[in-house]
Amino acid sequence: MKLSREIKTAILVILSIFLFIWGYNFLKGKNYFDTSKKLNAVYENVSGLVPAAPVTLNGLKIGRVNSIKIQPDGKLLVQMQITTDFPISKSSIAQIYDSGLVGGREIAIIPNLEDKNETKSGDFLKSSNKLGLTDALAQEIEPIKDRIEKLLDNANVLFANINEVLDEKAKANLRNSLANLDKTLNEFSGASKDLNDLLSNNKSKLDSTFTNLDKTTQNFATISDSLAKADYGKTVQNLEKTLASVDKLMADIEQGKGTMGKLMKDDEMYNNFASASKELELLLQDLRLHPTRYVNVSIFGKKDKPYKAPEVNENNEQINN
């Protein structure tokens, strides 16, 4: 059976139109011969998501966005075409996120691996929207912007109050204060220059002083090392022994032991010492007053004079003759 030229032309035109429609829809993400799974999610705001945007799972592309339709309530219905056989549970989350600075918006499937209830074509997933870098930055900057505006308002009020306070007289005083401050800074600069000259002229003396100070420090370090090496333990032990001996000596004296103890505690010995001291005093006094009684030098054999005891009064005191 032969077909006429007109029929062939019509069939070719119909096929061309069909291929054009199929190719156009394929480029938009629709494939009429596709048997992959279709999943849906509803969003308040798709934040720049477009059809044919990638759908990923743990960073791996598993599908694309088929369509985005607005619902009567204003929400957006997004249909996703899933081309993987990986089991996606019904409690998984479809999250819109920013793939990069220039990469656009994508959908990431966050699976719930503990849920074994697998989705079927046409099921709905929970939706989530993660702020992009620009949106997050804007959200962070917003409170800072409010604070800056408030700060600027306060600054305007402050400058207005300063203008009210600074009348002509106050402004003149302020100018004078600044002039005096400039003068003070100039004087300080001159003093600093004089100090630099002084240090420059006495540099050798300062070097010598610091050298001597360094030597002194080294000497102190040597003395410190010597003190550190000293046997303080042995010295303390000897000191303790000496103190113990002194304590024993004082205890013996306190108990009347020994010559010192008896001298301090024995009244009879004290009285004897006192009597002997008194007699010695009388003897020396008599020797001073009557030396001939004790020293008699005779050249021609003169006889010794008999000893005559000194006279004493009632208080046992010698009476001078």
C-alpha atoms as a PDB file:
ATOM      1  CA  MET A   1       0.000   0.000   0.000  1.00  0.00           C
ATOM      2  CA  LYS A   2       1.505   3.218  -1.137  1.00  0.00           C
ATOM      3  CA  LEU A   3       0.946   6.411   0.832  1.00  0.00           C
ATOM      4  CA  SER A   4       0.467   9.621  -0.930  1.00  0.00           C
ATOM      5  CA  ARG A   5       2.842  12.473  -0.590  1.00  0.00           C
ATOM      6  CA  GLU A   6       0.283  14.448   1.372  1.00  0.00           C
ATOM      7  CA  ILE A   7      -0.172  11.688   3.944  1.00  0.00           C
ATOM      8  CA  LYS A   8       3.572  11.317   4.385  1.00  0.00           C
ATOM      9  CA  THR A   9       3.895  15.066   4.843  1.00  0.00           C
ATOM     10  CA  ALA A  10       1.075  15.081   7.427  1.00  0.00           C
ATOM     11  CA  ILE A  11       2.635  12.189   9.367  1.00  0.00           C
ATOM     12  CA  LEU A  12       6.013  13.941   9.325  1.00  0.00           C
ATOM     13  CA  VAL A  13       4.469  17.196  10.561  1.00  0.00           C
ATOM     14  CA  ILE A  14       2.587  15.375  13.352  1.00  0.00           C
ATOM     15  CA  LEU A  15       5.773  13.565  14.421  1.00  0.00           C
ATOM     16  CA  SER A  16       7.707  16.820  14.336  1.00  0.00           C
ATOM     17  CA  ILE A  17       5.089  18.549  16.494  1.00  0.00           C
ATOM     18  CA  PHE A  18       5.041  15.618  18.924  1.00  0.00           C
ATOM     19  CA  LEU A  19       8.863  15.559  19.172  1.00  0.00           C
ATOM     20  CA  PHE A  20       8.922  19.325  19.678  1.00  0.00           C
ATOM     21  CA  ILE A  21       6.365  19.135  22.500  1.00  0.00           C
ATOM     22  CA  TRP A  22       8.137  16.166  24.090  1.00  0.00           C
ATOM     23  CA  GLY A  23      11.551  17.827  23.830  1.00  0.00           C
ATOM     24  CA  TYR A  24      10.250  21.101  25.209  1.00  0.00           C
ATOM     25  CA  ASN A  25       8.692  19.348  28.221  1.00  0.00           C
ATOM     26  CA  PHE A  26      11.779  17.168  28.642  1.00  0.00           C
ATOM     27  CA  LEU A  27      13.921  20.273  28.885  1.00  0.00           C
ATOM     28  CA  LYS A  28      11.522  21.597  31.512  1.00  0.00           C
ATOM     29  CA  GLY A  29      11.956  18.393  33.504  1.00  0.00           C
ATOM     30  CA  LYS A  30       8.941  16.463  32.239  1.00  0.00           C
ATOM     31  CA  ASN A  31       9.316  13.100  30.605  1.00  0.00           C
ATOM     32  CA  TYR A  32       6.081  11.460  29.460  1.00  0.00           C
ATOM     33  CA  PHE A  33       7.786   8.096  29.042  1.00  0.00           C
ATOM     34  CA  ASP A  34       9.333   8.193  32.490  1.00  0.00           C
ATOM     35  CA  THR A  35       8.141   5.628  35.064  1.00  0.00           C
ATOM     36  CA  SER A  36      10.146   7.046  37.992  1.00  0.00           C
ATOM     37  CA  LYS A  37       8.636   7.809  41.428  1.00  0.00           C
ATOM     38  CA  LYS A  38       6.906  11.166  41.932  1.00  0.00           C
ATOM     39  CA  LEU A  39       6.980  12.708  45.414  1.00  0.00           C
ATOM     40  CA  ASN A  40       5.383  15.953  46.569  1.00  0.00           C
ATOM     41  CA  ALA A  41       6.033  18.576  49.241  1.00  0.00           C
ATOM     42  CA  VAL A  42       4.205  21.779  50.182  1.00  0.00           C
ATOM     43  CA  TYR A  43       6.133  24.956  51.082  1.00  0.00           C
ATOM     44  CA  GLU A  44       5.254  28.396  52.339  1.00  0.00           C
ATOM     45  CA  ASN A  45       8.047  29.869  50.230  1.00  0.00           C
ATOM     46  CA  VAL A  46      10.288  28.106  47.709  1.00  0.00           C
ATOM     47  CA  SER A  47      12.956  30.866  48.019  1.00  0.00           C
ATOM     48  CA  GLY A  48      14.042  30.885  44.364  1.00  0.00           C
ATOM     49  CA  LEU A  49      13.609  27.170  43.632  1.00  0.00           C
ATOM     50  CA  VAL A  50      12.905  26.539  39.933  1.00  0.00           C
ATOM     51  CA  PRO A  51      11.745  23.500  37.891  1.00  0.00           C
ATOM     52  CA  ALA A  52      14.511  21.067  36.869  1.00  0.00           C
ATOM     53  CA  ALA A  53      16.463  21.941  40.036  1.00  0.00           C
ATOM     54  CA  PRO A  54      18.413  18.936  41.398  1.00  0.00           C
ATOM     55  CA  VAL A  55      17.060  16.740  44.180  1.00  0.00           C
ATOM     56  CA  THR A  56      19.882  15.228  46.272  1.00  0.00           C
ATOM     57  CA  LEU A  57      20.295  12.723  49.072  1.00  0.00           C
ATOM     58  CA  ASN A  58      23.488  13.044  51.153  1.00  0.00           C
ATOM     59  CA  GLY A  59      24.941  15.177  48.346  1.00  0.00           C
ATOM     60  CA  LEU A  60      24.139  12.659  45.572  1.00  0.00           C
ATOM     61  CA  LYS A  61      21.690  13.712  42.853  1.00  0.00           C
ATOM     62  CA  ILE A  62      18.700  11.325  42.866  1.00  0.00           C
ATOM     63  CA  GLY A  63      16.194  13.330  40.833  1.00  0.00           C
ATOM     64  CA  ARG A  64      14.890  16.721  39.800  1.00  0.00           C
ATOM     65  CA  VAL A  65      12.025  19.121  40.425  1.00  0.00           C
ATOM     66  CA  ASN A  66       9.201  18.484  37.960  1.00  0.00           C
ATOM     67  CA  SER A  67       6.884  21.348  38.686  1.00  0.00           C
ATOM     68  CA  ILE A  68       6.004  24.091  41.154  1.00  0.00           C
ATOM     69  CA  LYS A  69       2.331  24.985  41.429  1.00  0.00           C
ATOM     70  CA  ILE A  70       0.616  27.515  43.624  1.00  0.00           C
ATOM     71  CA  GLN A  71      -2.335  26.271  45.656  1.00  0.00           C
ATOM     72  CA  PRO A  72      -5.579  28.139  46.421  1.00  0.00           C
ATOM     73  CA  ASP A  73      -4.378  28.797  49.985  1.00  0.00           C
ATOM     74  CA  GLY A  74      -1.207  30.481  48.665  1.00  0.00           C
ATOM     75  CA  LYS A  75       1.126  27.609  49.461  1.00  0.00           C
ATOM     76  CA  LEU A  76       3.360  26.065  46.806  1.00  0.00           C
ATOM     77  CA  LEU A  77       3.150  22.445  45.718  1.00  0.00           C
ATOM     78  CA  VAL A  78       6.471  21.059  44.505  1.00  0.00           C
ATOM     79  CA  GLN A  79       6.590  17.764  42.615  1.00  0.00           C
ATOM     80  CA  MET A  80       9.895  15.858  42.623  1.00  0.00           C
ATOM     81  CA  GLN A  81      10.924  13.138  40.204  1.00  0.00           C
ATOM     82  CA  ILE A  82      13.020  10.483  41.987  1.00  0.00           C
ATOM     83  CA  THR A  83      15.184   8.301  39.738  1.00  0.00           C
ATOM     84  CA  THR A  84      16.842   6.142  42.409  1.00  0.00           C
ATOM     85  CA  ASP A  85      15.708   2.854  43.876  1.00  0.00           C
ATOM     86  CA  PHE A  86      16.928   3.826  47.338  1.00  0.00           C
ATOM     87  CA  PRO A  87      14.032   3.396  49.816  1.00  0.00           C
ATOM     88  CA  ILE A  88      12.808   6.788  51.012  1.00  0.00           C
ATOM     89  CA  SER A  89      10.593   6.606  54.115  1.00  0.00           C
ATOM     90  CA  LYS A  90       7.413   8.615  54.468  1.00  0.00           C
ATOM     91  CA  SER A  91       8.851  10.479  57.498  1.00  0.00           C
ATOM     92  CA  SER A  92      11.773  11.820  55.442  1.00  0.00           C
ATOM     93  CA  ILE A  93      12.134  15.599  55.019  1.00  0.00           C
ATOM     94  CA  ALA A  94      12.448  17.524  51.758  1.00  0.00           C
ATOM     95  CA  GLN A  95      14.552  20.543  52.610  1.00  0.00           C
ATOM     96  CA  ILE A  96      15.192  23.465  50.266  1.00  0.00           C
ATOM     97  CA  TYR A  97      18.755  24.735  50.662  1.00  0.00           C
ATOM     98  CA  ASP A  98      21.275  26.988  48.961  1.00  0.00           C
ATOM     99  CA  SER A  99      23.841  24.920  47.056  1.00  0.00           C
ATOM    100  CA  GLY A 100      26.351  27.786  46.857  1.00  0.00           C
ATOM    101  CA  LEU A 101      26.849  31.443  46.094  1.00  0.00           C
ATOM    102  CA  VAL A 102      25.994  30.972  42.402  1.00  0.00           C
ATOM    103  CA  GLY A 103      24.589  27.424  42.405  1.00  0.00           C
ATOM    104  CA  GLY A 104      20.945  28.293  43.050  1.00  0.00           C
ATOM    105  CA  ARG A 105      18.417  26.503  45.269  1.00  0.00           C
ATOM    106  CA  GLU A 106      18.050  22.724  45.479  1.00  0.00           C
ATOM    107  CA  ILE A 107      16.084  20.153  47.449  1.00  0.00           C
ATOM    108  CA  ALA A 108      17.861  17.773  49.795  1.00  0.00           C
ATOM    109  CA  ILE A 109      16.089  14.635  50.972  1.00  0.00           C
ATOM    110  CA  ILE A 110      16.875  14.009  54.649  1.00  0.00           C
ATOM    111  CA  PRO A 111      15.981  10.333  55.116  1.00  0.00           C
ATOM    112  CA  ASN A 112      14.747   8.684  58.290  1.00  0.00           C
ATOM    113  CA  LEU A 113      16.519   5.320  58.104  1.00  0.00           C
ATOM    114  CA  GLU A 114      14.714   3.971  61.167  1.00  0.00           C
ATOM    115  CA  ASP A 115      11.350   4.293  59.437  1.00  0.00           C
ATOM    116  CA  LYS A 116      10.731   1.250  57.217  1.00  0.00           C
ATOM    117  CA  ASN A 117       7.455   2.614  55.755  1.00  0.00           C
ATOM    118  CA  GLU A 118       8.624   3.332  52.196  1.00  0.00           C
ATOM    119  CA  THR A 119       7.015   6.033  50.044  1.00  0.00           C
ATOM    120  CA  LYS A 120       5.097   5.415  46.864  1.00  0.00           C
ATOM    121  CA  SER A 121       4.664   7.605  43.818  1.00  0.00           C
ATOM    122  CA  GLY A 122       2.357  10.490  44.685  1.00  0.00           C
ATOM    123  CA  ASP A 123       3.127  10.561  48.434  1.00  0.00           C
ATOM    124  CA  PHE A 124       3.879  13.787  50.325  1.00  0.00           C
ATOM    125  CA  LEU A 125       7.026  14.460  52.349  1.00  0.00           C
ATOM    126  CA  LYS A 126       7.532  16.862  55.208  1.00  0.00           C
ATOM    127  CA  SER A 127       8.903  20.181  54.004  1.00  0.00           C
ATOM    128  CA  SER A 128      11.674  22.365  55.390  1.00  0.00           C
ATOM    129  CA  ASN A 129      13.380  25.514  54.225  1.00  0.00           C
ATOM    130  CA  LYS A 130      16.983  26.248  55.145  1.00  0.00           C
ATOM    131  CA  LEU A 131      18.038  29.866  54.864  1.00  0.00           C
ATOM    132  CA  GLY A 132      20.596  30.625  52.217  1.00  0.00           C
ATOM    133  CA  LEU A 133      23.843  32.427  52.876  1.00  0.00           C
ATOM    134  CA  THR A 134      22.403  35.780  51.824  1.00  0.00           C
ATOM    135  CA  ASP A 135      19.211  35.320  53.837  1.00  0.00           C
ATOM    136  CA  ALA A 136      21.111  34.133  56.915  1.00  0.00           C
ATOM    137  CA  LEU A 137      23.480  37.077  56.621  1.00  0.00           C
ATOM    138  CA  ALA A 138      20.552  39.452  56.260  1.00  0.00           C
ATOM    139  CA  GLN A 139      18.898  37.908  59.314  1.00  0.00           C
ATOM    140  CA  GLU A 140      22.092  38.374  61.329  1.00  0.00           C
ATOM    141  CA  ILE A 141      22.585  41.937  60.083  1.00  0.00           C
ATOM    142  CA  GLU A 142      19.010  43.004  60.811  1.00  0.00           C
ATOM    143  CA  PRO A 143      19.448  43.379  64.611  1.00  0.00           C
ATOM    144  CA  ILE A 144      22.827  45.049  64.058  1.00  0.00           C
ATOM    145  CA  LYS A 145      21.144  47.482  61.680  1.00  0.00           C
ATOM    146  CA  ASP A 146      18.528  48.325  64.314  1.00  0.00           C
ATOM    147  CA  ARG A 147      21.237  48.899  66.911  1.00  0.00           C
ATOM    148  CA  ILE A 148      23.212  51.124  64.553  1.00  0.00           C
ATOM    149  CA  GLU A 149      20.107  53.181  63.818  1.00  0.00           C
ATOM    150  CA  LYS A 150      19.433  53.529  67.544  1.00  0.00           C
ATOM    151  CA  LEU A 151      23.088  54.478  68.112  1.00  0.00           C
ATOM    152  CA  LEU A 152      22.905  57.124  65.390  1.00  0.00           C
ATOM    153  CA  ASP A 153      19.735  58.559  66.923  1.00  0.00           C
ATOM    154  CA  ASN A 154      21.444  58.760  70.308  1.00  0.00           C
ATOM    155  CA  ALA A 155      24.481  60.381  68.651  1.00  0.00           C
ATOM    156  CA  ASN A 156      22.247  62.997  67.031  1.00  0.00           C
ATOM    157  CA  VAL A 157      20.654  63.766  70.407  1.00  0.00           C
ATOM    158  CA  LEU A 158      24.092  63.933  72.012  1.00  0.00           C
ATOM    159  CA  PHE A 159      25.466  66.358  69.423  1.00  0.00           C
ATOM    160  CA  ALA A 160      22.338  68.466  69.698  1.00  0.00           C
ATOM    161  CA  ASN A 161      22.818  68.687  73.475  1.00  0.00           C
ATOM    162  CA  ILE A 162      26.504  69.514  72.994  1.00  0.00           C
ATOM    163  CA  ASN A 163      25.589  72.340  70.620  1.00  0.00           C
ATOM    164  CA  GLU A 164      23.169  73.687  73.219  1.00  0.00           C
ATOM    165  CA  VAL A 165      25.763  73.502  75.998  1.00  0.00           C
ATOM    166  CA  LEU A 166      28.658  74.964  73.998  1.00  0.00           C
ATOM    167  CA  ASP A 167      27.777  78.612  73.735  1.00  0.00           C
ATOM    168  CA  GLU A 168      30.222  81.203  72.372  1.00  0.00           C
ATOM    169  CA  LYS A 169      31.992  81.564  75.696  1.00  0.00           C
ATOM    170  CA  ALA A 170      32.337  77.827  76.139  1.00  0.00           C
ATOM    171  CA  LYS A 171      33.633  77.476  72.587  1.00  0.00           C
ATOM    172  CA  ALA A 172      36.215  80.206  73.250  1.00  0.00           C
ATOM    173  CA  ASN A 173      37.315  78.449  76.454  1.00  0.00           C
ATOM    174  CA  LEU A 174      37.567  75.206  74.530  1.00  0.00           C
ATOM    175  CA  ARG A 175      39.754  76.855  71.886  1.00  0.00           C
ATOM    176  CA  ASN A 176      41.966  78.314  74.615  1.00  0.00           C
ATOM    177  CA  SER A 177      42.235  74.895  76.260  1.00  0.00           C
ATOM    178  CA  LEU A 178      43.268  73.344  72.972  1.00  0.00           C
ATOM    179  CA  ALA A 179      45.841  76.092  72.463  1.00  0.00           C
ATOM    180  CA  ASN A 180      47.234  75.501  75.970  1.00  0.00           C
ATOM    181  CA  LEU A 181      47.297  71.787  75.265  1.00  0.00           C
ATOM    182  CA  ASP A 182      49.275  72.413  72.092  1.00  0.00           C
ATOM    183  CA  LYS A 183      51.689  74.596  74.059  1.00  0.00           C
ATOM    184  CA  THR A 184      52.059  71.904  76.702  1.00  0.00           C
ATOM    185  CA  LEU A 185      52.772  69.297  74.035  1.00  0.00           C
ATOM    186  CA  ASN A 186      55.437  71.572  72.523  1.00  0.00           C
ATOM    187  CA  GLU A 187      57.054  72.015  75.944  1.00  0.00           C
ATOM    188  CA  PHE A 188      56.885  68.286  76.500  1.00  0.00           C
ATOM    189  CA  SER A 189      58.558  67.772  73.136  1.00  0.00           C
ATOM    190  CA  GLY A 190      61.358  70.160  74.158  1.00  0.00           C
ATOM    191  CA  ALA A 191      61.777  68.370  77.493  1.00  0.00           C
ATOM    192  CA  SER A 192      61.907  65.069  75.668  1.00  0.00           C
ATOM    193  CA  LYS A 193      64.633  66.437  73.388  1.00  0.00           C
ATOM    194  CA  ASP A 194      66.624  67.678  76.403  1.00  0.00           C
ATOM    195  CA  LEU A 195      66.242  64.261  78.020  1.00  0.00           C
ATOM    196  CA  ASN A 196      67.494  62.588  74.859  1.00  0.00           C
ATOM    197  CA  ASP A 197      70.506  64.899  74.809  1.00  0.00           C
ATOM    198  CA  LEU A 198      71.181  64.158  78.488  1.00  0.00           C
ATOM    199  CA  LEU A 199      71.015  60.431  77.892  1.00  0.00           C
ATOM    200  CA  SER A 200      73.236  60.744  74.840  1.00  0.00           C
ATOM    201  CA  ASN A 201      75.875  62.764  76.741  1.00  0.00           C
ATOM    202  CA  ASN A 202      75.889  60.356  79.690  1.00  0.00           C
ATOM    203  CA  LYS A 203      75.649  57.171  77.696  1.00  0.00           C
ATOM    204  CA  SER A 204      79.078  55.941  78.789  1.00  0.00           C
ATOM    205  CA  LYS A 205      78.277  56.582  82.463  1.00  0.00           C
ATOM    206  CA  LEU A 206      74.952  54.790  82.139  1.00  0.00           C
ATOM    207  CA  ASP A 207      76.683  51.854  80.450  1.00  0.00           C
ATOM    208  CA  SER A 208      79.193  51.714  83.301  1.00  0.00           C
ATOM    209  CA  THR A 209      76.406  51.913  85.872  1.00  0.00           C
ATOM    210  CA  PHE A 210      74.486  49.063  84.248  1.00  0.00           C
ATOM    211  CA  THR A 211      77.722  47.051  84.006  1.00  0.00           C
ATOM    212  CA  ASN A 212      78.329  47.530  87.744  1.00  0.00           C
ATOM    213  CA  LEU A 213      74.720  46.637  88.419  1.00  0.00           C
ATOM    214  CA  ASP A 214      75.155  43.456  86.404  1.00  0.00           C
ATOM    215  CA  LYS A 215      78.271  42.570  88.410  1.00  0.00           C
ATOM    216  CA  THR A 216      76.408  43.275  91.658  1.00  0.00           C
ATOM    217  CA  THR A 217      73.604  41.014  90.520  1.00  0.00           C
ATOM    218  CA  GLN A 218      76.095  38.261  89.724  1.00  0.00           C
ATOM    219  CA  ASN A 219      77.651  38.690  93.196  1.00  0.00           C
ATOM    220  CA  PHE A 220      74.229  38.414  94.783  1.00  0.00           C
ATOM    221  CA  ALA A 221      73.625  35.281  92.736  1.00  0.00           C
ATOM    222  CA  THR A 222      76.951  33.825  93.969  1.00  0.00           C
ATOM    223  CA  ILE A 223      76.052  34.637  97.590  1.00  0.00           C
ATOM    224  CA  SER A 224      72.637  33.124  97.093  1.00  0.00           C
ATOM    225  CA  ASP A 225      74.211  29.924  95.704  1.00  0.00           C
ATOM    226  CA  SER A 226      76.589  29.783  98.671  1.00  0.00           C
ATOM    227  CA  LEU A 227      73.720  30.202 101.112  1.00  0.00           C
ATOM    228  CA  ALA A 228      71.755  27.556  99.269  1.00  0.00           C
ATOM    229  CA  LYS A 229      74.674  25.110  99.541  1.00  0.00           C
ATOM    230  CA  ALA A 230      75.158  25.772 103.261  1.00  0.00           C
ATOM    231  CA  ASP A 231      74.245  22.897 105.621  1.00  0.00           C
ATOM    232  CA  TYR A 232      71.470  24.647 107.528  1.00  0.00           C
ATOM    233  CA  GLY A 233      70.225  21.370 108.943  1.00  0.00           C
ATOM    234  CA  LYS A 234      73.466  20.635 110.762  1.00  0.00           C
ATOM    235  CA  THR A 235      73.677  24.217 112.030  1.00  0.00           C
ATOM    236  CA  VAL A 236      70.140  24.049 113.371  1.00  0.00           C
ATOM    237  CA  GLN A 237      70.887  20.710 115.057  1.00  0.00           C
ATOM    238  CA  ASN A 238      73.983  22.186 116.767  1.00  0.00           C
ATOM    239  CA  LEU A 239      71.968  25.200 117.844  1.00  0.00           C
ATOM    240  CA  GLU A 240      69.290  22.936 119.274  1.00  0.00           C
ATOM    241  CA  LYS A 241      71.935  20.970 121.211  1.00  0.00           C
ATOM    242  CA  THR A 242      73.415  24.202 122.587  1.00  0.00           C
ATOM    243  CA  LEU A 243      70.000  25.484 123.631  1.00  0.00           C
ATOM    244  CA  ALA A 244      69.250  22.124 125.258  1.00  0.00           C
ATOM    245  CA  SER A 245      72.533  22.410 127.253  1.00  0.00           C
ATOM    246  CA  VAL A 246      71.668  25.955 128.289  1.00  0.00           C
ATOM    247  CA  ASP A 247      68.189  24.807 129.348  1.00  0.00           C
ATOM    248  CA  LYS A 248      69.736  21.995 131.453  1.00  0.00           C
ATOM    249  CA  LEU A 249      72.228  24.436 133.023  1.00  0.00           C
ATOM    250  CA  MET A 250      69.469  26.890 133.903  1.00  0.00           C
ATOM    251  CA  ALA A 251      67.364  24.039 135.294  1.00  0.00           C
ATOM    252  CA  ASP A 252      70.281  22.896 137.533  1.00  0.00           C
ATOM    253  CA  ILE A 253      70.824  26.453 138.732  1.00  0.00           C
ATOM    254  CA  GLU A 254      67.099  26.768 139.418  1.00  0.00           C
ATOM    255  CA  GLN A 255      67.212  23.523 141.445  1.00  0.00           C
ATOM    256  CA  GLY A 256      70.253  24.691 143.445  1.00  0.00           C
ATOM    257  CA  LYS A 257      72.718  22.292 141.906  1.00  0.00           C
ATOM    258  CA  GLY A 258      76.364  23.226 141.436  1.00  0.00           C
ATOM    259  CA  THR A 259      78.267  26.237 142.722  1.00  0.00           C
ATOM    260  CA  MET A 260      76.073  28.780 140.942  1.00  0.00           C
ATOM    261  CA  GLY A 261      72.925  27.001 142.059  1.00  0.00           C
ATOM    262  CA  LYS A 262      74.026  26.852 145.684  1.00  0.00           C
ATOM    263  CA  LEU A 263      75.183  30.463 145.549  1.00  0.00           C
ATOM    264  CA  MET A 264      71.726  31.499 144.312  1.00  0.00           C
ATOM    265  CA  LYS A 265      69.662  29.136 146.470  1.00  0.00           C
ATOM    266  CA  ASP A 266      71.781  28.456 149.643  1.00  0.00           C
ATOM    267  CA  ASP A 267      71.329  31.362 152.150  1.00  0.00           C
ATOM    268  CA  GLU A 268      74.132  30.134 154.426  1.00  0.00           C
ATOM    269  CA  MET A 269      76.671  30.240 151.596  1.00  0.00           C
ATOM    270  CA  TYR A 270      75.466  33.708 150.700  1.00  0.00           C
ATOM    271  CA  ASN A 271      75.851  34.850 154.301  1.00  0.00           C
ATOM    272  CA  ASN A 272      79.366  33.339 154.432  1.00  0.00           C
ATOM    273  CA  PHE A 273      80.321  35.153 151.251  1.00  0.00           C
ATOM    274  CA  ALA A 274      78.876  38.378 152.656  1.00  0.00           C
ATOM    275  CA  SER A 275      80.746  37.939 155.999  1.00  0.00           C
ATOM    276  CA  ALA A 276      83.995  37.088 154.237  1.00  0.00           C
ATOM    277  CA  SER A 277      83.575  40.109 152.000  1.00  0.00           C
ATOM    278  CA  LYS A 278      83.005  42.312 155.036  1.00  0.00           C
ATOM    279  CA  GLU A 279      86.077  40.972 156.868  1.00  0.00           C
ATOM    280  CA  LEU A 280      88.179  41.431 153.738  1.00  0.00           C
ATOM    281  CA  GLU A 281      86.995  45.018 153.557  1.00  0.00           C
ATOM    282  CA  LEU A 282      87.974  45.583 157.220  1.00  0.00           C
ATOM    283  CA  LEU A 283      91.366  43.972 156.632  1.00  0.00           C
ATOM    284  CA  LEU A 284      92.113  46.185 153.671  1.00  0.00           C
ATOM    285  CA  GLN A 285      90.996  49.272 155.557  1.00  0.00           C
ATOM    286  CA  ASP A 286      93.175  48.404 158.530  1.00  0.00           C
ATOM    287  CA  LEU A 287      96.093  47.711 156.203  1.00  0.00           C
ATOM    288  CA  ARG A 288      95.619  51.160 154.700  1.00  0.00           C
ATOM    289  CA  LEU A 289      95.419  52.895 158.099  1.00  0.00           C
ATOM    290  CA  HIS A 290      98.088  50.893 159.945  1.00  0.00           C
ATOM    291  CA  PRO A 291     100.510  49.474 157.448  1.00  0.00           C
ATOM    292  CA  THR A 292     103.222  49.068 160.129  1.00  0.00           C
ATOM    293  CA  ARG A 293     101.172  46.342 161.736  1.00  0.00           C
ATOM    294  CA  TYR A 294     101.644  44.186 158.674  1.00  0.00           C
ATOM    295  CA  VAL A 295     104.894  45.472 157.138  1.00  0.00           C
ATOM    296  CA  ASN A 296     107.683  46.145 159.680  1.00  0.00           C
ATOM    297  CA  VAL A 297     111.148  46.683 158.189  1.00  0.00           C
ATOM    298  CA  SER A 298     113.904  46.812 160.771  1.00  0.00           C
ATOM    299  CA  ILE A 299     117.440  47.449 159.685  1.00  0.00           C
ATOM    300  CA  PHE A 300     119.032  47.089 163.125  1.00  0.00           C
ATOM    301  CA  GLY A 301     117.041  44.142 164.383  1.00  0.00           C
ATOM    302  CA  LYS A 302     114.244  46.050 166.111  1.00  0.00           C
ATOM    303  CA  LYS A 303     111.698  43.859 167.740  1.00  0.00           C
ATOM    304  CA  ASP A 304     108.333  43.372 166.184  1.00  0.00           C
ATOM    305  CA  LYS A 305     105.521  45.300 167.691  1.00  0.00           C
ATOM    306  CA  PRO A 306     102.713  43.184 169.030  1.00  0.00           C
ATOM    307  CA  TYR A 307      99.490  43.060 166.986  1.00  0.00           C
ATOM    308  CA  LYS A 308      96.731  45.236 168.305  1.00  0.00           C
ATOM    309  CA  ALA A 309      93.247  44.416 167.093  1.00  0.00           C
ATOM    310  CA  PRO A 310      91.292  47.359 165.713  1.00  0.00           C
ATOM    311  CA  GLU A 311      88.437  48.723 167.735  1.00  0.00           C
ATOM    312  CA  VAL A 312      84.962  48.269 166.335  1.00  0.00           C
ATOM    313  CA  ASN A 313      81.651  49.837 167.270  1.00  0.00           C
ATOM    314  CA  GLU A 314      78.275  48.218 167.836  1.00  0.00           C
ATOM    315  CA  ASN A 315      77.680  47.902 164.039  1.00  0.00           C
ATOM    316  CA  ASN A 316      80.934  45.980 163.648  1.00  0.00           C
ATOM    317  CA  GLU A 317      82.556  49.009 162.031  1.00  0.00           C
ATOM    318  CA  GLN A 318      86.234  49.805 162.678  1.00  0.00           C
ATOM    319  CA  ILE A 319      87.035  52.906 164.742  1.00  0.00           C
ATOM    320  CA  ASN A 320      89.952  54.876 163.304  1.00  0.00           C
ATOM    321  CA  ASN A 321      92.745  55.697 165.733  1.00  0.00           C
END
